[in-house]
Amino acid sequence: SQSLAHIIHSSVTSNPEVYIKSGSNKFSYKSLEHDYTYNQESDGSKSARDYNLKNRYGVLKIGEENKLIRLEKNDAIKCIASIEEMFDVINDAHQKIGHEAQNKWANVTQEACHLFLTFCEECHKKRAKKLPQSLVVKPLVSTNLMSRAQVDLINFQTMPDGDFKYIMTYLNHFTKFCILSPLKSKRAEEVASKLLEIFLTFGAPSILQSDNGREFSNAIIAELKT
């Protein structure tokens, strides 16, 4: 934790985002704290920056400590974290459900939070548990010559050969013997006609499957039955 705190401290001190932005002005925590206190105690003339400090910032006593705060438009109050507090602020929020730091602290940046999460061992363990296990694909086993066959269509509409825009592939799963047939369309009638020629030559399989979807397969089988 100490090394991580040092990394976050080094990162935020070199990052201008740890400054509190207000309009076109930027204030570091220490200069803002100093200027706000001085502005409250001074009775002299006020600049636009002084009025901005008065209207947008304040000091809230939390326990025995005076905490610099920023006043939001919806009357919400956000504490401003010093660089020394940054690690503890992120660590505290990270341990709570709801991650309240986003709504409570005005200058805890996304970059600092992401840096913290990069080094969080507990998060890495949880991510490892959530990784999906690789699917075990069982190969289809065909026990005999006519047990299973597959029919699919390859779309060649961008490179037609005359009127032929599709190629029907018929694969015997047992022998891996493949037959290619040119088609003018993907209508079930034309596909069924080509399949019938194959069945009359080699025989029909017990199972006919397709990667073109169940609707495609059902339409072909319905056509073969007619």
Protein backbone atom coordinates (compact mmCIF):
# COMPACT_ATOMS: atom_id res chain seq x y z
CA SER A 1 0.00 0.00 0.00
CA GLN A 2 2.84 2.40 0.79
CA SER A 3 4.45 1.88 -2.62
CA LEU A 4 1.07 2.33 -4.34
CA ALA A 5 0.45 5.48 -2.32
CA HIS A 6 3.83 6.77 -3.48
CA ILE A 7 2.96 5.99 -7.14
CA ILE A 8 -0.38 7.81 -6.90
CA HIS A 9 1.24 10.72 -5.07
CA SER A 10 3.89 11.01 -7.79
CA SER A 11 1.27 10.76 -10.54
CA VAL A 12 -1.11 13.38 -9.20
CA THR A 13 1.62 15.87 -8.34
CA SER A 14 2.81 15.81 -11.95
CA ASN A 15 -0.71 15.86 -13.39
CA PRO A 16 -2.44 19.24 -13.81
CA GLU A 17 -5.81 17.56 -13.29
CA VAL A 18 -5.20 17.53 -9.52
CA TYR A 19 -5.67 21.27 -9.69
CA ILE A 20 -9.16 22.50 -8.95
CA LYS A 21 -10.61 24.06 -12.10
CA SER A 22 -12.93 27.02 -11.74
CA GLY A 23 -13.86 28.84 -14.94
CA SER A 24 -10.64 29.82 -16.64
CA ASN A 25 -8.62 29.62 -13.40
CA LYS A 26 -6.70 26.73 -11.89
CA PHE A 27 -5.76 26.51 -8.24
CA SER A 28 -3.56 24.03 -6.46
CA TYR A 29 -4.92 22.74 -3.15
CA LYS A 30 -2.43 24.62 -1.01
CA SER A 31 -2.74 27.91 -2.90
CA LEU A 32 -6.54 27.62 -2.89
CA GLU A 33 -6.55 26.95 0.84
CA HIS A 34 -4.23 29.90 1.47
CA ASP A 35 -6.09 32.31 -0.82
CA TYR A 36 -9.50 31.36 0.55
CA THR A 37 -8.38 31.86 4.15
CA TYR A 38 -6.70 35.17 3.29
CA ASN A 39 -9.79 36.32 1.38
CA GLN A 40 -12.06 35.58 4.34
CA GLU A 41 -9.83 37.49 6.75
CA SER A 42 -9.12 40.47 4.47
CA ASP A 43 -11.32 43.57 4.49
CA GLY A 44 -9.67 45.12 1.42
CA SER A 45 -11.00 45.41 -2.12
CA LYS A 46 -12.08 42.17 -3.76
CA SER A 47 -11.16 40.96 -7.23
CA ALA A 48 -13.27 38.71 -9.48
CA ARG A 49 -11.10 35.82 -8.35
CA ASP A 50 -11.79 36.67 -4.72
CA TYR A 51 -15.55 36.67 -5.31
CA ASN A 52 -15.23 33.36 -7.16
CA LEU A 53 -13.41 31.85 -4.20
CA LYS A 54 -16.09 33.10 -1.84
CA ASN A 55 -19.03 31.86 -3.93
CA ARG A 56 -17.64 28.47 -4.93
CA TYR A 57 -15.56 27.34 -1.97
CA GLY A 58 -15.86 27.11 1.77
CA VAL A 59 -14.47 25.50 4.90
CA LEU A 60 -16.35 22.76 6.74
CA LYS A 61 -15.33 21.52 10.16
CA ILE A 62 -15.25 17.72 10.24
CA GLY A 63 -14.37 16.51 13.71
CA GLU A 64 -11.37 18.56 14.80
CA GLU A 65 -10.28 19.32 11.24
CA ASN A 66 -11.26 22.17 8.94
CA LYS A 67 -11.90 20.74 5.47
CA LEU A 68 -11.82 22.74 2.26
CA ILE A 69 -15.01 22.14 0.23
CA ARG A 70 -16.48 23.12 -3.12
CA LEU A 71 -20.11 24.21 -3.38
CA GLU A 72 -22.03 22.64 -6.26
CA LYS A 73 -24.97 24.12 -8.18
CA ASN A 74 -27.43 21.63 -6.66
CA ASP A 75 -26.37 22.68 -3.14
CA ALA A 76 -24.30 19.54 -2.81
CA ILE A 77 -20.97 19.77 -1.01
CA LYS A 78 -17.81 18.09 -2.26
CA CYS A 79 -14.68 17.88 -0.16
CA ILE A 80 -11.38 18.71 -1.82
CA ALA A 81 -8.65 16.15 -1.25
CA SER A 82 -5.08 17.21 -0.71
CA ILE A 83 -2.37 15.29 -2.55
CA GLU A 84 -1.38 13.61 0.72
CA GLU A 85 -4.95 12.32 1.17
CA MET A 86 -5.43 11.08 -2.40
CA PHE A 87 -4.44 7.44 -1.80
CA ASP A 88 -6.53 7.10 1.37
CA VAL A 89 -9.55 8.69 -0.35
CA ILE A 90 -9.42 6.26 -3.29
CA ASN A 91 -8.67 3.26 -1.07
CA ASP A 92 -11.54 4.10 1.28
CA ALA A 93 -14.03 4.51 -1.58
CA HIS A 94 -12.80 1.37 -3.30
CA GLN A 95 -13.61 -0.73 -0.23
CA LYS A 96 -17.21 0.52 -0.09
CA ILE A 97 -20.13 -0.55 -2.24
CA GLY A 98 -21.34 2.32 -4.35
CA HIS A 99 -17.99 4.06 -4.82
CA GLU A 100 -19.05 7.30 -3.14
CA ALA A 101 -15.84 9.18 -3.95
CA GLN A 102 -17.26 10.35 -7.28
CA ASN A 103 -20.05 12.23 -5.51
CA LYS A 104 -18.11 13.27 -2.41
CA TRP A 105 -14.73 14.48 -3.66
CA ALA A 106 -14.32 17.29 -6.18
CA ASN A 107 -10.81 16.58 -7.49
CA VAL A 108 -10.24 12.81 -7.27
CA THR A 109 -9.61 12.18 -10.95
CA GLN A 110 -10.43 9.20 -13.14
CA GLU A 111 -6.74 8.83 -13.89
CA ALA A 112 -5.89 8.41 -10.20
CA CYS A 113 -8.70 5.85 -9.76
CA HIS A 114 -7.60 3.87 -12.82
CA LEU A 115 -4.03 3.88 -11.56
CA PHE A 116 -5.23 2.55 -8.21
CA LEU A 117 -7.28 -0.21 -9.86
CA THR A 118 -4.29 -1.27 -11.96
CA PHE A 119 -2.44 -2.25 -8.79
CA CYS A 120 -5.39 -3.67 -6.83
CA GLU A 121 -4.69 -7.38 -6.21
CA GLU A 122 -8.27 -8.13 -5.12
CA CYS A 123 -9.64 -6.73 -8.40
CA HIS A 124 -7.23 -8.82 -10.42
CA LYS A 125 -8.37 -11.95 -8.55
CA LYS A 126 -12.05 -11.15 -9.20
CA ARG A 127 -11.43 -10.47 -12.89
CA ALA A 128 -9.65 -13.81 -13.21
CA LYS A 129 -12.67 -15.59 -11.68
CA LYS A 130 -15.08 -13.86 -14.08
CA LEU A 131 -13.16 -14.78 -17.23
CA PRO A 132 -15.35 -17.12 -19.29
CA GLN A 133 -14.09 -20.66 -19.45
CA SER A 134 -13.18 -21.79 -22.93
CA LEU A 135 -15.94 -23.83 -24.52
CA VAL A 136 -15.20 -27.48 -25.06
CA VAL A 137 -16.47 -28.33 -28.52
CA LYS A 138 -17.21 -32.01 -28.92
CA PRO A 139 -16.60 -33.28 -32.45
CA LEU A 140 -19.56 -34.83 -34.26
CA VAL A 141 -18.98 -38.55 -34.55
CA SER A 142 -20.50 -40.39 -37.51
CA THR A 143 -20.78 -44.12 -36.97
CA ASN A 144 -21.45 -45.18 -40.56
CA LEU A 145 -21.48 -44.00 -44.17
CA MET A 146 -25.03 -42.60 -44.24
CA SER A 147 -25.42 -41.46 -40.62
CA ARG A 148 -24.93 -37.71 -41.11
CA ALA A 149 -24.49 -35.11 -43.86
CA GLN A 150 -24.35 -31.34 -44.01
CA VAL A 151 -25.68 -28.94 -46.61
CA ASP A 152 -24.76 -25.24 -46.78
CA LEU A 153 -24.83 -22.38 -49.26
CA ILE A 154 -21.96 -20.11 -50.30
CA ASN A 155 -23.05 -16.69 -51.54
CA PHE A 156 -21.34 -15.68 -54.80
CA GLN A 157 -23.68 -12.83 -55.75
CA THR A 158 -20.74 -10.42 -55.97
CA MET A 159 -18.96 -12.79 -58.40
CA PRO A 160 -21.73 -14.61 -60.32
CA ASP A 161 -21.04 -17.04 -63.12
CA GLY A 162 -23.78 -16.10 -65.53
CA ASP A 163 -27.08 -16.85 -63.80
CA PHE A 164 -25.42 -18.89 -61.04
CA LYS A 165 -25.05 -16.89 -57.81
CA TYR A 166 -24.74 -19.60 -55.14
CA ILE A 167 -22.81 -22.82 -54.54
CA MET A 168 -24.38 -25.61 -52.54
CA THR A 169 -21.93 -27.70 -50.53
CA TYR A 170 -22.91 -31.21 -49.48
CA LEU A 171 -20.54 -32.97 -47.05
CA ASN A 172 -20.68 -36.59 -45.90
CA HIS A 173 -19.47 -36.48 -42.28
CA PHE A 174 -18.21 -40.06 -42.27
CA THR A 175 -16.10 -39.99 -45.43
CA LYS A 176 -15.62 -36.17 -45.69
CA PHE A 177 -16.60 -36.52 -49.35
CA CYS A 178 -17.86 -33.15 -50.59
CA ILE A 179 -20.11 -32.33 -53.55
CA LEU A 180 -20.43 -28.81 -54.99
CA SER A 181 -23.47 -27.78 -56.99
CA PRO A 182 -24.09 -24.38 -58.66
CA LEU A 183 -27.42 -22.68 -57.91
CA LYS A 184 -29.22 -19.72 -59.46
CA SER A 185 -31.02 -18.90 -56.19
CA LYS A 186 -31.26 -20.09 -52.61
CA ARG A 187 -34.92 -21.10 -52.87
CA ALA A 188 -35.75 -24.31 -51.06
CA GLU A 189 -37.14 -25.84 -54.28
CA GLU A 190 -33.83 -25.49 -56.13
CA VAL A 191 -31.74 -26.71 -53.17
CA ALA A 192 -34.05 -29.70 -52.65
CA SER A 193 -33.81 -30.57 -56.35
CA LYS A 194 -29.99 -30.74 -56.18
CA LEU A 195 -30.11 -32.75 -52.96
CA LEU A 196 -32.52 -35.21 -54.53
CA GLU A 197 -30.01 -35.84 -57.33
CA ILE A 198 -27.35 -36.64 -54.69
CA PHE A 199 -29.68 -38.87 -52.67
CA LEU A 200 -30.69 -40.85 -55.75
CA THR A 201 -27.01 -41.42 -56.53
CA PHE A 202 -25.47 -42.04 -53.08
CA GLY A 203 -28.47 -42.51 -50.79
CA ALA A 204 -30.05 -40.20 -48.17
CA PRO A 205 -28.41 -39.64 -44.76
CA SER A 206 -30.17 -40.33 -41.46
CA ILE A 207 -29.42 -36.79 -40.29
CA LEU A 208 -29.25 -33.73 -42.55
CA GLN A 209 -27.89 -30.61 -40.87
CA SER A 210 -26.97 -27.08 -41.92
CA ASP A 211 -25.17 -24.00 -40.58
CA ASN A 212 -27.63 -21.82 -42.50
CA GLY A 213 -30.18 -22.09 -39.71
CA ARG A 214 -33.09 -24.31 -38.70
CA GLU A 215 -35.55 -22.44 -40.91
CA PHE A 216 -33.41 -23.21 -43.96
CA SER A 217 -33.14 -26.90 -43.02
CA ASN A 218 -36.87 -27.23 -42.30
CA ALA A 219 -37.79 -25.61 -45.63
CA ILE A 220 -35.55 -28.05 -47.54
CA ILE A 221 -36.89 -31.10 -45.71
CA ALA A 222 -40.47 -29.95 -46.27
CA GLU A 223 -39.71 -29.55 -49.98
CA LEU A 224 -38.10 -33.01 -50.16
CA LYS A 225 -41.26 -34.55 -48.71
CA THR A 226 -43.49 -33.11 -51.43
